[in-house]
Protein backbone atom coordinates (compact mmCIF):
# COMPACT_ATOMS: atom_id res chain seq x y z
CA MET A 1 138.72 117.16 86.79
CA ARG A 2 135.91 114.72 87.31
CA TYR A 3 132.23 115.14 87.96
CA ALA A 4 132.52 113.57 91.42
CA GLN A 5 135.17 116.12 92.38
CA LEU A 6 133.04 119.06 91.27
CA ARG A 7 130.01 117.67 93.06
CA ALA A 8 131.99 117.21 96.27
CA PHE A 9 133.39 120.76 96.06
CA HIS A 10 129.97 122.24 95.31
CA ASN A 11 128.29 120.55 98.24
CA VAL A 12 131.05 121.49 100.68
CA ALA A 13 130.72 125.11 99.55
CA LEU A 14 126.94 124.90 99.70
CA ALA A 15 126.83 123.25 103.15
CA GLY A 16 129.74 125.18 104.65
CA GLY A 17 131.59 122.08 105.78
CA PHE A 18 132.76 118.60 104.89
CA SER A 19 130.60 116.76 107.41
CA ARG A 20 127.35 118.37 106.26
CA ALA A 21 128.29 117.81 102.63
CA ALA A 22 128.94 114.13 103.37
CA GLU A 23 125.49 113.83 104.96
CA ALA A 24 123.84 115.54 101.98
CA LEU A 25 125.55 113.19 99.53
CA ASN A 26 125.21 110.13 101.74
CA GLN A 27 128.95 109.55 101.61
CA SER A 28 131.72 109.41 104.18
CA GLN A 29 133.55 112.58 105.16
CA PRO A 30 136.99 111.16 104.16
CA SER A 31 135.64 110.40 100.68
CA ILE A 32 134.38 113.98 100.24
CA SER A 33 137.65 115.42 101.55
CA GLU A 34 139.67 113.24 99.17
CA GLN A 35 137.64 114.37 96.15
CA VAL A 36 138.18 118.04 96.99
CA ILE A 37 141.90 117.55 97.66
CA ARG A 38 142.33 115.80 94.32
CA LEU A 39 140.57 118.67 92.55
CA GLU A 40 142.89 121.18 94.26
CA GLU A 41 146.01 119.14 93.52
CA GLU A 42 145.18 118.48 89.86
CA HIS A 43 144.75 122.21 89.25
CA ASP A 44 147.26 123.45 91.83
CA THR A 45 144.61 125.70 93.32
CA LEU A 46 143.53 126.13 96.93
CA LEU A 47 139.75 126.26 97.05
CA PHE A 48 139.08 126.29 100.82
CA GLN A 49 140.70 127.79 103.88
CA ARG A 50 140.23 125.00 106.39
CA GLY A 51 139.48 125.89 110.01
CA THR A 52 138.84 123.73 113.05
CA ARG A 53 135.08 123.77 112.65
CA HIS A 54 134.39 125.67 109.44
CA VAL A 55 135.77 126.01 105.95
CA GLN A 56 135.88 129.21 103.99
CA LEU A 57 136.12 129.65 100.24
CA THR A 58 139.23 131.24 98.84
CA ALA A 59 138.93 133.75 96.00
CA ALA A 60 139.49 130.90 93.53
CA GLY A 61 136.93 128.83 95.38
CA GLU A 62 134.33 131.59 95.18
CA GLY A 63 134.84 131.88 91.45
CA LEU A 64 134.48 128.14 91.00
CA PHE A 65 131.41 128.09 93.24
CA ARG A 66 129.67 130.64 90.98
CA LEU A 67 130.32 128.31 88.04
CA THR A 68 129.24 125.13 89.83
CA ARG A 69 126.01 126.83 90.88
CA GLN A 70 125.25 127.40 87.21
CA PHE A 71 126.45 123.92 86.29
CA PHE A 72 124.28 122.03 88.78
CA GLU A 73 121.29 124.28 88.15
CA VAL A 74 121.50 123.39 84.46
CA GLU A 75 121.88 119.72 85.42
CA SER A 76 118.66 119.97 87.42
CA GLU A 77 116.89 121.65 84.51
CA ILE A 78 118.08 118.90 82.18
CA ALA A 79 116.68 116.23 84.49
CA GLU A 80 113.33 118.04 84.71
CA TYR A 81 113.26 118.46 80.93
CA LEU A 82 113.94 114.77 80.33
CA ASP A 83 111.23 113.81 82.83
CA ARG A 84 108.74 116.01 81.01
CA SER A 85 109.90 114.76 77.64
CA ARG A 86 109.75 111.10 78.59
CA ALA A 87 107.59 109.25 76.12
CA ALA A 88 104.01 109.99 77.11
CA PRO A 89 101.83 106.93 77.71
CA SER A 90 100.00 105.83 74.61
CA GLY A 91 98.04 102.83 73.44
CA GLN A 92 95.26 101.57 75.66
CA LEU A 93 94.32 101.32 79.31
CA ARG A 94 91.91 98.48 80.09
CA ILE A 95 90.00 98.69 83.35
CA VAL A 96 87.73 95.97 84.67
CA ALA A 97 85.72 96.71 87.78
CA ASP A 98 83.01 95.24 89.92
CA SER A 99 82.05 98.87 90.49
CA ALA A 100 83.44 101.86 88.62
CA VAL A 101 81.88 104.52 90.84
CA HIS A 102 85.03 104.89 92.94
CA ILE A 103 87.36 105.57 90.00
CA THR A 104 85.32 107.54 87.47
CA PRO A 105 86.84 110.88 88.62
CA ALA A 106 90.32 109.42 88.16
CA ILE A 107 89.41 108.21 84.67
CA GLY A 108 88.38 111.76 83.77
CA ARG A 109 91.65 113.20 85.11
CA PHE A 110 93.64 110.52 83.31
CA ARG A 111 92.00 111.27 79.96
CA VAL A 112 92.71 114.99 80.29
CA ALA A 113 96.36 114.33 81.11
CA HIS A 114 96.83 111.55 78.53
CA PRO A 115 94.54 112.13 75.54
CA ASN A 116 96.52 109.68 73.40
CA VAL A 117 95.53 106.72 75.56
CA SER A 118 92.34 104.86 74.70
CA VAL A 119 90.45 103.81 77.83
CA SER A 120 88.08 100.86 77.95
CA LEU A 121 86.00 100.00 81.01
CA TRP A 122 84.34 96.64 81.61
CA THR A 123 82.37 95.33 84.54
CA GLY A 124 82.58 91.94 86.16
CA ASN A 125 82.54 90.23 89.50
CA THR A 126 85.65 90.00 91.65
CA GLN A 127 86.79 86.65 90.26
CA GLU A 128 86.41 87.88 86.69
CA VAL A 129 88.39 91.02 87.51
CA LEU A 130 91.28 89.04 88.98
CA ASP A 131 91.23 86.50 86.15
CA ARG A 132 91.50 89.24 83.51
CA LEU A 133 94.34 90.95 85.32
CA ARG A 134 96.28 87.69 85.63
CA ARG A 135 95.70 86.86 81.96
CA TYR A 136 97.07 90.32 81.05
CA GLU A 137 93.70 91.25 79.57
CA ALA A 138 93.43 94.36 81.75
CA GLU A 139 95.82 96.78 83.44
CA ILE A 140 93.65 98.03 86.32
CA GLY A 141 91.00 96.26 88.38
CA VAL A 142 88.54 97.31 91.07
CA VAL A 143 87.29 94.59 93.40
CA GLY A 144 85.34 94.30 96.62
CA ASN A 145 86.52 92.63 99.84
CA LEU A 146 89.75 91.43 98.28
CA ASP A 147 91.59 88.51 99.84
CA LYS A 148 95.34 88.87 100.19
CA GLY A 149 97.36 88.17 97.06
CA SER A 150 101.13 88.54 96.88
CA ASP A 151 101.04 89.20 93.13
CA LEU A 152 98.92 92.35 93.45
CA ASP A 153 99.61 96.00 94.18
CA ARG A 154 96.61 97.63 95.81
CA ILE A 155 95.09 100.96 96.79
CA GLU A 156 92.25 100.88 99.30
CA LEU A 157 89.28 102.95 98.10
CA GLY A 158 87.08 102.80 101.18
CA ARG A 159 84.17 100.84 102.60
CA THR A 160 80.45 101.31 101.90
CA PRO A 161 77.46 99.45 103.38
CA ILE A 162 75.53 96.84 101.41
CA VAL A 163 71.87 97.83 101.00
CA ALA A 164 68.75 96.13 99.68
CA ILE A 165 66.94 97.55 96.67
CA ALA A 166 63.34 97.04 95.61
CA ALA A 167 60.97 98.40 93.00
CA ARG A 168 58.92 101.36 94.15
CA GLY A 169 55.51 100.12 95.24
CA MET A 170 56.68 96.55 95.88
CA ILE A 171 57.00 97.10 99.63
CA PRO A 172 54.04 98.99 101.13
CA GLY A 173 54.56 102.12 103.19
CA ASN A 174 57.55 104.40 103.32
CA LEU A 175 60.03 101.96 104.81
CA THR A 176 63.67 103.01 104.59
CA GLU A 177 65.08 99.93 106.28
CA ILE A 178 64.44 96.22 106.68
CA GLU A 179 65.68 93.69 109.24
CA PHE A 180 68.12 91.21 107.78
CA GLU A 181 66.07 88.29 109.19
CA GLY A 182 62.95 89.77 107.58
CA LEU A 183 64.35 89.16 104.11
CA THR A 184 63.00 85.60 104.27
CA ARG A 185 59.51 86.99 103.66
CA TRP A 186 60.40 88.34 100.23
CA PRO A 187 61.54 86.90 96.90
CA LEU A 188 65.26 87.57 96.56
CA ILE A 189 67.41 88.27 93.53
CA PHE A 190 71.05 87.24 93.79
CA ARG A 191 73.93 87.84 91.47
CA GLU A 192 75.96 84.98 90.02
CA PRO A 193 78.37 82.87 92.11
CA GLY A 194 81.68 84.75 92.29
CA SER A 195 79.99 88.01 93.25
CA ARG A 196 81.50 89.29 96.50
CA THR A 197 78.23 91.05 97.36
CA ARG A 198 76.42 87.72 97.16
CA ALA A 199 79.18 86.03 99.17
CA ARG A 200 78.85 88.64 101.93
CA ILE A 201 75.05 88.21 102.07
CA GLU A 202 75.33 84.42 102.21
CA ALA A 203 78.05 84.53 104.88
CA ALA A 204 75.92 86.80 107.08
CA ALA A 205 72.90 84.55 106.63
CA LYS A 206 74.89 81.47 107.61
CA ASN A 207 76.29 83.27 110.65
CA LYS A 208 72.78 84.18 111.79
CA GLY A 209 71.22 80.82 110.95
CA VAL A 210 68.94 82.44 108.37
CA VAL A 211 68.09 80.63 105.16
CA LEU A 212 68.15 83.01 102.19
CA GLU A 213 67.45 81.36 98.83
CA PRO A 214 67.35 83.37 95.61
CA SER A 215 64.16 83.24 93.59
CA ILE A 216 66.11 84.56 90.61
CA GLN A 217 69.82 84.53 89.83
CA VAL A 218 71.16 87.04 87.34
CA GLU A 219 74.51 87.72 85.68
CA GLY A 220 75.87 91.16 86.50
CA ARG A 221 74.80 94.19 88.47
CA GLU A 222 72.88 95.93 85.70
CA ALA A 223 70.83 92.82 84.97
CA MET A 224 69.97 92.62 88.66
CA ARG A 225 68.81 96.26 88.70
CA GLU A 226 66.59 95.69 85.68
CA VAL A 227 64.99 92.58 87.15
CA VAL A 228 64.47 94.29 90.52
CA ALA A 229 62.83 97.24 88.75
CA THR A 230 60.12 94.91 87.42
CA GLY A 231 59.05 94.13 91.00
CA ALA A 232 60.28 90.53 90.85
CA GLY A 233 62.12 90.71 94.17
CA ILE A 234 64.70 92.35 96.40
CA GLY A 235 68.30 92.67 95.28
CA PHE A 236 71.51 93.84 96.90
CA LEU A 237 74.38 96.17 96.09
CA SER A 238 76.77 98.54 97.82
CA GLU A 239 75.27 101.91 98.69
CA ALA A 240 77.85 103.72 96.54
CA GLU A 241 76.48 101.89 93.49
CA PHE A 242 72.83 102.78 94.05
CA GLY A 243 73.00 106.06 92.14
CA HIS A 244 69.77 107.70 90.99
CA ASP A 245 67.07 105.43 89.61
CA ALA A 246 63.48 106.61 90.04
CA ARG A 247 62.25 103.04 89.63
CA LEU A 248 64.02 101.78 92.73
CA ARG A 249 64.03 102.44 96.45
CA LYS A 250 66.91 101.80 98.82
CA LEU A 251 66.42 99.89 102.07
CA ASN A 252 69.10 99.89 104.75
CA LEU A 253 69.69 96.49 106.30
CA THR A 254 69.40 96.45 110.09
CA ASN A 255 70.57 93.97 112.70
CA VAL A 256 73.60 93.15 110.55
CA ASP A 257 76.92 94.81 109.65
CA LEU A 258 77.39 94.33 105.95
CA GLY A 259 79.80 96.36 103.85
CA MET A 260 82.02 96.23 100.81
CA SER A 261 85.65 97.36 100.94
CA GLU A 262 86.63 98.41 97.43
CA THR A 263 90.24 98.03 96.32
CA LEU A 264 92.06 99.15 93.18
CA VAL A 265 94.49 96.45 92.05
CA SER A 266 97.15 95.88 89.41
CA LEU A 267 99.71 93.14 88.92
CA THR A 268 102.95 93.73 90.82
CA ALA A 269 104.84 92.30 87.85
CA ARG A 270 103.46 95.13 85.67
CA ARG A 271 104.01 98.07 88.02
CA ASP A 272 106.50 99.65 85.56
CA VAL A 273 104.02 99.70 82.66
CA ALA A 274 103.69 103.38 81.71
CA VAL A 275 99.88 103.53 81.50
CA ILE A 276 99.53 101.82 84.89
CA ARG A 277 101.94 104.27 86.56
CA ALA A 278 100.15 107.20 84.94
CA PHE A 279 96.71 106.04 86.06
CA LEU A 280 97.84 105.48 89.63
CA LYS A 281 99.07 109.08 89.67
CA SER A 282 95.55 110.13 88.63
CA MET A 283 94.22 108.43 91.76
CA ALA A 284 96.22 110.77 94.03
């Protein structure tokens, strides 16, 4: 008696026929029939009464079916137990993001599910994110407007518009929007080269024939917010990153379609790393 024979018998009994059992097991009908016949011959026991269209269990077959039900139920329980008992992710999960706002709920869920994993979160522009991933210095990255890369697995997080930000009181009145071409009248604060937000602004300006030159260039989003808050000029970020800062006001950009598509990425070569798999489940 072999496992394959018992499995073939059980599925024929469960499905009520050889053809349906073959479909369920993704095998050929002759293969299933042969397994059952061998089981009957080895034990000199008839297990099925075979009809033209249907099969019916004999008394011996019914007794064996009760046992195989128990057997395969226990097998299923063993598989579930081993899945639950699989070594839980441990160690560290390193995330580097140009914006963490899209994944902070997932980080919370991940920490609840995997308290033994230490999570570190860094910020950086898109190029820095990709460089750290490819140097194996991070497991998860979040980038904006990602170009195609065959070495990356990705989950699209959505698109948000790019907005201008200014210190309260810098721009008179209660303006909530500003024409893209009108930005030339104000001092501008750009992030460092490599920032996808900056690249999108510069591409739109070139397309429109508008010259936008930064009065100040800063390294990183938080530095830009702090400089903008002093009234030194107008900066730019995605609307999802604006948050709540009483020092700043948000200005929608008109006469232009500017947005950031955020993408969660990890290296395809590392897709079987336990902490990466576990975090991606937290994103669901």
